[in-house]
Amino acid sequence: MSTNGKAGFSIREWCFDAGFSTALYYKRQRNGLGPRVTHVGRRTIITEPASEYLKRLDLEAASAPGHAEFA
């Protein structure tokens, strides 16, 4: 499923694109590590595309103390 160009994603769509299970998504959200979301009524809309979220995770991991690059 390609969701490029969309303004918002359902949890199911986003998890599919990110390769996450919904359980992992909810766990990361509970821990404050999930993607950016907005709430519209009772719906949760994920406003950060999975590709951007995964890039952000990579950058955060690379800048973490103790990170070593392997050649």
PDB file of N, CA and C in Angstrom:
ATOM      1  N   MET A   1       0.857  -1.175   0.000  1.00  0.00           N
ATOM      2  CA  MET A   1       0.000   0.000   0.000  1.00  0.00           C
ATOM      3  C   MET A   1       0.900   1.234   0.000  1.00  0.00           C
ATOM      4  N   SER A   2       0.742   2.059  -0.973  1.00  0.00           N
ATOM      5  CA  SER A   2       1.522   3.289  -1.027  1.00  0.00           C
ATOM      6  C   SER A   2       0.677   4.445  -0.512  1.00  0.00           C
ATOM      7  N   THR A   3       1.205   5.143   0.491  1.00  0.00           N
ATOM      8  CA  THR A   3       0.461   6.261   1.073  1.00  0.00           C
ATOM      9  C   THR A   3       1.207   7.571   0.871  1.00  0.00           C
ATOM     10  N   ASN A   4       2.093   7.614  -0.109  1.00  0.00           N
ATOM     11  CA  ASN A   4       2.832   8.849  -0.388  1.00  0.00           C
ATOM     12  C   ASN A   4       1.862   9.949  -0.772  1.00  0.00           C
ATOM     13  N   GLY A   5       2.096  11.141  -0.220  1.00  0.00           N
ATOM     14  CA  GLY A   5       1.281  12.283  -0.559  1.00  0.00           C
ATOM     15  C   GLY A   5       0.037  12.438   0.293  1.00  0.00           C
ATOM     16  N   LYS A   6      -0.236  11.515   1.191  1.00  0.00           N
ATOM     17  CA  LYS A   6      -1.408  11.625   2.053  1.00  0.00           C
ATOM     18  C   LYS A   6      -1.111  12.553   3.219  1.00  0.00           C
ATOM     19  N   ALA A   7      -2.151  13.211   3.698  1.00  0.00           N
ATOM     20  CA  ALA A   7      -1.994  14.131   4.827  1.00  0.00           C
ATOM     21  C   ALA A   7      -2.128  13.420   6.164  1.00  0.00           C
ATOM     22  N   GLY A   8      -2.790  12.281   6.194  1.00  0.00           N
ATOM     23  CA  GLY A   8      -2.972  11.561   7.443  1.00  0.00           C
ATOM     24  C   GLY A   8      -3.213  10.091   7.183  1.00  0.00           C
ATOM     25  N   PHE A   9      -2.930   9.286   8.180  1.00  0.00           N
ATOM     26  CA  PHE A   9      -3.000   7.833   8.032  1.00  0.00           C
ATOM     27  C   PHE A   9      -3.758   7.233   9.199  1.00  0.00           C
ATOM     28  N   SER A  10      -4.497   6.164   8.924  1.00  0.00           N
ATOM     29  CA  SER A  10      -5.087   5.405  10.016  1.00  0.00           C
ATOM     30  C   SER A  10      -3.953   4.614  10.674  1.00  0.00           C
ATOM     31  N   ILE A  11      -4.209   4.138  11.858  1.00  0.00           N
ATOM     32  CA  ILE A  11      -3.187   3.345  12.550  1.00  0.00           C
ATOM     33  C   ILE A  11      -2.843   2.111  11.729  1.00  0.00           C
ATOM     34  N   ARG A  12      -3.844   1.455  11.186  1.00  0.00           N
ATOM     35  CA  ARG A  12      -3.614   0.245  10.390  1.00  0.00           C
ATOM     36  C   ARG A  12      -2.760   0.553   9.151  1.00  0.00           C
ATOM     37  N   GLU A  13      -3.091   1.631   8.421  1.00  0.00           N
ATOM     38  CA  GLU A  13      -2.305   2.010   7.236  1.00  0.00           C
ATOM     39  C   GLU A  13      -0.861   2.309   7.616  1.00  0.00           C
ATOM     40  N   TRP A  14      -0.703   3.098   8.684  1.00  0.00           N
ATOM     41  CA  TRP A  14       0.633   3.517   9.083  1.00  0.00           C
ATOM     42  C   TRP A  14       1.473   2.312   9.498  1.00  0.00           C
ATOM     43  N   CYS A  15       0.891   1.411  10.273  1.00  0.00           N
ATOM     44  CA  CYS A  15       1.626   0.221  10.713  1.00  0.00           C
ATOM     45  C   CYS A  15       2.044  -0.639   9.528  1.00  0.00           C
ATOM     46  N   PHE A  16       1.177  -0.754   8.539  1.00  0.00           N
ATOM     47  CA  PHE A  16       1.510  -1.516   7.338  1.00  0.00           C
ATOM     48  C   PHE A  16       2.722  -0.907   6.651  1.00  0.00           C
ATOM     49  N   ASP A  17       2.709   0.415   6.462  1.00  0.00           N
ATOM     50  CA  ASP A  17       3.823   1.097   5.791  1.00  0.00           C
ATOM     51  C   ASP A  17       5.121   1.014   6.597  1.00  0.00           C
ATOM     52  N   ALA A  18       5.021   1.088   7.918  1.00  0.00           N
ATOM     53  CA  ALA A  18       6.210   1.078   8.772  1.00  0.00           C
ATOM     54  C   ALA A  18       6.725  -0.332   9.036  1.00  0.00           C
ATOM     55  N   GLY A  19       5.902  -1.334   8.788  1.00  0.00           N
ATOM     56  CA  GLY A  19       6.287  -2.706   9.096  1.00  0.00           C
ATOM     57  C   GLY A  19       6.173  -2.996  10.591  1.00  0.00           C
ATOM     58  N   PHE A  20       5.295  -2.248  11.270  1.00  0.00           N
ATOM     59  CA  PHE A  20       5.068  -2.413  12.707  1.00  0.00           C
ATOM     60  C   PHE A  20       3.794  -3.216  12.920  1.00  0.00           C
ATOM     61  N   SER A  21       3.745  -3.942  14.012  1.00  0.00           N
ATOM     62  CA  SER A  21       2.471  -4.506  14.447  1.00  0.00           C
ATOM     63  C   SER A  21       1.724  -3.389  15.174  1.00  0.00           C
ATOM     64  N   THR A  22       0.413  -3.520  15.281  1.00  0.00           N
ATOM     65  CA  THR A  22      -0.328  -2.501  16.021  1.00  0.00           C
ATOM     66  C   THR A  22       0.069  -2.523  17.495  1.00  0.00           C
ATOM     67  N   ALA A  23       0.427  -3.688  18.018  1.00  0.00           N
ATOM     68  CA  ALA A  23       0.864  -3.772  19.422  1.00  0.00           C
ATOM     69  C   ALA A  23       2.133  -2.956  19.636  1.00  0.00           C
ATOM     70  N   LEU A  24       3.078  -3.034  18.701  1.00  0.00           N
ATOM     71  CA  LEU A  24       4.308  -2.250  18.826  1.00  0.00           C
ATOM     72  C   LEU A  24       4.005  -0.755  18.715  1.00  0.00           C
ATOM     73  N   TYR A  25       3.098  -0.388  17.812  1.00  0.00           N
ATOM     74  CA  TYR A  25       2.704   1.008  17.686  1.00  0.00           C
ATOM     75  C   TYR A  25       2.174   1.535  19.017  1.00  0.00           C
ATOM     76  N   TYR A  26       1.226   0.818  19.625  1.00  0.00           N
ATOM     77  CA  TYR A  26       0.631   1.276  20.886  1.00  0.00           C
ATOM     78  C   TYR A  26       1.659   1.307  22.013  1.00  0.00           C
ATOM     79  N   LYS A  27       2.570   0.352  22.040  1.00  0.00           N
ATOM     80  CA  LYS A  27       3.623   0.342  23.062  1.00  0.00           C
ATOM     81  C   LYS A  27       4.512   1.569  22.923  1.00  0.00           C
ATOM     82  N   ARG A  28       4.920   1.876  21.698  1.00  0.00           N
ATOM     83  CA  ARG A  28       5.773   3.043  21.475  1.00  0.00           C
ATOM     84  C   ARG A  28       5.026   4.334  21.809  1.00  0.00           C
ATOM     85  N   GLN A  29       3.736   4.420  21.480  1.00  0.00           N
ATOM     86  CA  GLN A  29       2.946   5.600  21.825  1.00  0.00           C
ATOM     87  C   GLN A  29       2.876   5.775  23.345  1.00  0.00           C
ATOM     88  N   ARG A  30       2.622   4.687  24.074  1.00  0.00           N
ATOM     89  CA  ARG A  30       2.552   4.759  25.542  1.00  0.00           C
ATOM     90  C   ARG A  30       3.853   5.279  26.133  1.00  0.00           C
ATOM     91  N   ASN A  31       4.977   4.929  25.504  1.00  0.00           N
ATOM     92  CA  ASN A  31       6.291   5.333  26.000  1.00  0.00           C
ATOM     93  C   ASN A  31       6.751   6.674  25.436  1.00  0.00           C
ATOM     94  N   GLY A  32       5.891   7.347  24.697  1.00  0.00           N
ATOM     95  CA  GLY A  32       6.232   8.651  24.133  1.00  0.00           C
ATOM     96  C   GLY A  32       7.179   8.587  22.953  1.00  0.00           C
ATOM     97  N   LEU A  33       7.258   7.445  22.298  1.00  0.00           N
ATOM     98  CA  LEU A  33       8.206   7.245  21.201  1.00  0.00           C
ATOM     99  C   LEU A  33       7.539   7.053  19.843  1.00  0.00           C
ATOM    100  N   GLY A  34       6.251   7.270  19.780  1.00  0.00           N
ATOM    101  CA  GLY A  34       5.521   7.034  18.541  1.00  0.00           C
ATOM    102  C   GLY A  34       5.570   8.212  17.595  1.00  0.00           C
ATOM    103  N   PRO A  35       4.919   8.055  16.447  1.00  0.00           N
ATOM    104  CA  PRO A  35       4.863   9.138  15.461  1.00  0.00           C
ATOM    105  C   PRO A  35       3.916  10.245  15.922  1.00  0.00           C
ATOM    106  N   ARG A  36       3.989  11.381  15.231  1.00  0.00           N
ATOM    107  CA  ARG A  36       3.092  12.507  15.541  1.00  0.00           C
ATOM    108  C   ARG A  36       1.660  12.146  15.144  1.00  0.00           C
ATOM    109  N   VAL A  37       0.732  12.468  16.030  1.00  0.00           N
ATOM    110  CA  VAL A  37      -0.674  12.170  15.771  1.00  0.00           C
ATOM    111  C   VAL A  37      -1.533  13.382  16.090  1.00  0.00           C
ATOM    112  N   THR A  38      -2.755  13.352  15.576  1.00  0.00           N
ATOM    113  CA  THR A  38      -3.768  14.326  15.945  1.00  0.00           C
ATOM    114  C   THR A  38      -5.053  13.546  16.167  1.00  0.00           C
ATOM    115  N   HIS A  39      -5.930  14.096  16.968  1.00  0.00           N
ATOM    116  CA  HIS A  39      -7.195  13.432  17.254  1.00  0.00           C
ATOM    117  C   HIS A  39      -8.326  14.249  16.658  1.00  0.00           C
ATOM    118  N   VAL A  40      -9.174  13.579  15.907  1.00  0.00           N
ATOM    119  CA  VAL A  40     -10.342  14.199  15.298  1.00  0.00           C
ATOM    120  C   VAL A  40     -11.541  13.409  15.802  1.00  0.00           C
ATOM    121  N   GLY A  41     -12.267  14.013  16.733  1.00  0.00           N
ATOM    122  CA  GLY A  41     -13.345  13.270  17.370  1.00  0.00           C
ATOM    123  C   GLY A  41     -12.754  12.095  18.111  1.00  0.00           C
ATOM    124  N   ARG A  42     -13.231  10.908  17.803  1.00  0.00           N
ATOM    125  CA  ARG A  42     -12.703   9.700  18.443  1.00  0.00           C
ATOM    126  C   ARG A  42     -11.619   9.027  17.615  1.00  0.00           C
ATOM    127  N   ARG A  43     -11.323   9.590  16.455  1.00  0.00           N
ATOM    128  CA  ARG A  43     -10.314   8.986  15.563  1.00  0.00           C
ATOM    129  C   ARG A  43      -8.931   9.522  15.867  1.00  0.00           C
ATOM    130  N   THR A  44      -7.938   8.657  15.709  1.00  0.00           N
ATOM    131  CA  THR A  44      -6.536   9.047  15.793  1.00  0.00           C
ATOM    132  C   THR A  44      -5.996   9.060  14.376  1.00  0.00           C
ATOM    133  N   ILE A  45      -5.471  10.202  13.957  1.00  0.00           N
ATOM    134  CA  ILE A  45      -4.887  10.351  12.630  1.00  0.00           C
ATOM    135  C   ILE A  45      -3.383  10.543  12.810  1.00  0.00           C
ATOM    136  N   ILE A  46      -2.601   9.699  12.177  1.00  0.00           N
ATOM    137  CA  ILE A  46      -1.144   9.825  12.248  1.00  0.00           C
ATOM    138  C   ILE A  46      -0.722  10.784  11.153  1.00  0.00           C
ATOM    139  N   THR A  47      -0.060  11.866  11.561  1.00  0.00           N
ATOM    140  CA  THR A  47       0.295  12.922  10.612  1.00  0.00           C
ATOM    141  C   THR A  47       1.737  12.818  10.109  1.00  0.00           C
ATOM    142  N   GLU A  48       2.491  11.893  10.636  1.00  0.00           N
ATOM    143  CA  GLU A  48       3.890  11.715  10.229  1.00  0.00           C
ATOM    144  C   GLU A  48       4.006  10.440   9.398  1.00  0.00           C
ATOM    145  N   PRO A  49       4.364  10.558   8.114  1.00  0.00           N
ATOM    146  CA  PRO A  49       4.519   9.362   7.290  1.00  0.00           C
ATOM    147  C   PRO A  49       5.533   8.392   7.907  1.00  0.00           C
ATOM    148  N   ALA A  50       5.304   7.106   7.697  1.00  0.00           N
ATOM    149  CA  ALA A  50       6.180   6.082   8.265  1.00  0.00           C
ATOM    150  C   ALA A  50       7.635   6.297   7.832  1.00  0.00           C
ATOM    151  N   SER A  51       7.850   6.677   6.590  1.00  0.00           N
ATOM    152  CA  SER A  51       9.223   6.855   6.100  1.00  0.00           C
ATOM    153  C   SER A  51       9.940   7.971   6.864  1.00  0.00           C
ATOM    154  N   GLU A  52       9.239   9.069   7.155  1.00  0.00           N
ATOM    155  CA  GLU A  52       9.853  10.163   7.924  1.00  0.00           C
ATOM    156  C   GLU A  52      10.115   9.743   9.366  1.00  0.00           C
ATOM    157  N   TYR A  53       9.175   9.015   9.949  1.00  0.00           N
ATOM    158  CA  TYR A  53       9.336   8.540  11.322  1.00  0.00           C
ATOM    159  C   TYR A  53      10.559   7.627  11.430  1.00  0.00           C
ATOM    160  N   LEU A  54      10.703   6.697  10.490  1.00  0.00           N
ATOM    161  CA  LEU A  54      11.828   5.770  10.530  1.00  0.00           C
ATOM    162  C   LEU A  54      13.157   6.494  10.324  1.00  0.00           C
ATOM    163  N   LYS A  55      13.185   7.509   9.463  1.00  0.00           N
ATOM    164  CA  LYS A  55      14.399   8.318   9.296  1.00  0.00           C
ATOM    165  C   LYS A  55      14.738   9.035  10.597  1.00  0.00           C
ATOM    166  N   ARG A  56      13.709   9.576  11.265  1.00  0.00           N
ATOM    167  CA  ARG A  56      13.920  10.273  12.541  1.00  0.00           C
ATOM    168  C   ARG A  56      14.489   9.311  13.583  1.00  0.00           C
ATOM    169  N   LEU A  57      13.996   8.078  13.620  1.00  0.00           N
ATOM    170  CA  LEU A  57      14.526   7.087  14.563  1.00  0.00           C
ATOM    171  C   LEU A  57      15.996   6.802  14.283  1.00  0.00           C
ATOM    172  N   ASP A  58      16.335   6.671  12.999  1.00  0.00           N
ATOM    173  CA  ASP A  58      17.729   6.418  12.626  1.00  0.00           C
ATOM    174  C   ASP A  58      18.627   7.570  13.066  1.00  0.00           C
ATOM    175  N   LEU A  59      18.182   8.805  12.850  1.00  0.00           N
ATOM    176  CA  LEU A  59      18.981   9.968  13.244  1.00  0.00           C
ATOM    177  C   LEU A  59      19.145  10.040  14.759  1.00  0.00           C
ATOM    178  N   GLU A  60      18.078   9.752  15.492  1.00  0.00           N
ATOM    179  CA  GLU A  60      18.157   9.774  16.951  1.00  0.00           C
ATOM    180  C   GLU A  60      19.088   8.692  17.461  1.00  0.00           C
ATOM    181  N   ALA A  61      19.035   7.517  16.853  1.00  0.00           N
ATOM    182  CA  ALA A  61      19.906   6.425  17.272  1.00  0.00           C
ATOM    183  C   ALA A  61      21.365   6.746  16.964  1.00  0.00           C
ATOM    184  N   ALA A  62      21.608   7.383  15.813  1.00  0.00           N
ATOM    185  CA  ALA A  62      22.971   7.709  15.416  1.00  0.00           C
ATOM    186  C   ALA A  62      23.576   8.779  16.320  1.00  0.00           C
ATOM    187  N   SER A  63      22.746   9.648  16.863  1.00  0.00           N
ATOM    188  CA  SER A  63      23.266  10.731  17.714  1.00  0.00           C
ATOM    189  C   SER A  63      23.257  10.344  19.193  1.00  0.00           C
ATOM    190  N   ALA A  64      22.793   9.152  19.513  1.00  0.00           N
ATOM    191  CA  ALA A  64      22.746   8.703  20.910  1.00  0.00           C
ATOM    192  C   ALA A  64      24.161   8.462  21.428  1.00  0.00           C
ATOM    193  N   PRO A  65      24.403   8.757  22.700  1.00  0.00           N
ATOM    194  CA  PRO A  65      25.729   8.480  23.280  1.00  0.00           C
ATOM    195  C   PRO A  65      26.040   6.991  23.192  1.00  0.00           C
ATOM    196  N   GLY A  66      27.284   6.704  22.886  1.00  0.00           N
ATOM    197  CA  GLY A  66      27.715   5.318  22.815  1.00  0.00           C
ATOM    198  C   GLY A  66      27.471   4.649  21.476  1.00  0.00           C
ATOM    199  N   HIS A  67      26.936   5.398  20.515  1.00  0.00           N
ATOM    200  CA  HIS A  67      26.699   4.833  19.199  1.00  0.00           C
ATOM    201  C   HIS A  67      28.028   4.693  18.461  1.00  0.00           C
ATOM    202  N   ALA A  68      28.254   3.516  17.907  1.00  0.00           N
ATOM    203  CA  ALA A  68      29.490   3.280  17.149  1.00  0.00           C
ATOM    204  C   ALA A  68      29.134   2.912  15.721  1.00  0.00           C
ATOM    205  N   GLU A  69      29.809   3.513  14.775  1.00  0.00           N
ATOM    206  CA  GLU A  69      29.632   3.175  13.374  1.00  0.00           C
ATOM    207  C   GLU A  69      30.475   1.964  13.058  1.00  0.00           C
ATOM    208  N   PHE A  70      29.928   1.050  12.297  1.00  0.00           N
ATOM    209  CA  PHE A  70      30.664  -0.127  11.867  1.00  0.00           C
ATOM    210  C   PHE A  70      30.907  -0.015  10.375  1.00  0.00           C
ATOM    211  N   ALA A  71      32.134  -0.293   9.962  1.00  0.00           N
ATOM    212  CA  ALA A  71      32.484  -0.167   8.548  1.00  0.00           C
ATOM    213  C   ALA A  71      32.211  -1.433   7.808  1.00  0.00           C
TER     214      ALA A  71
END
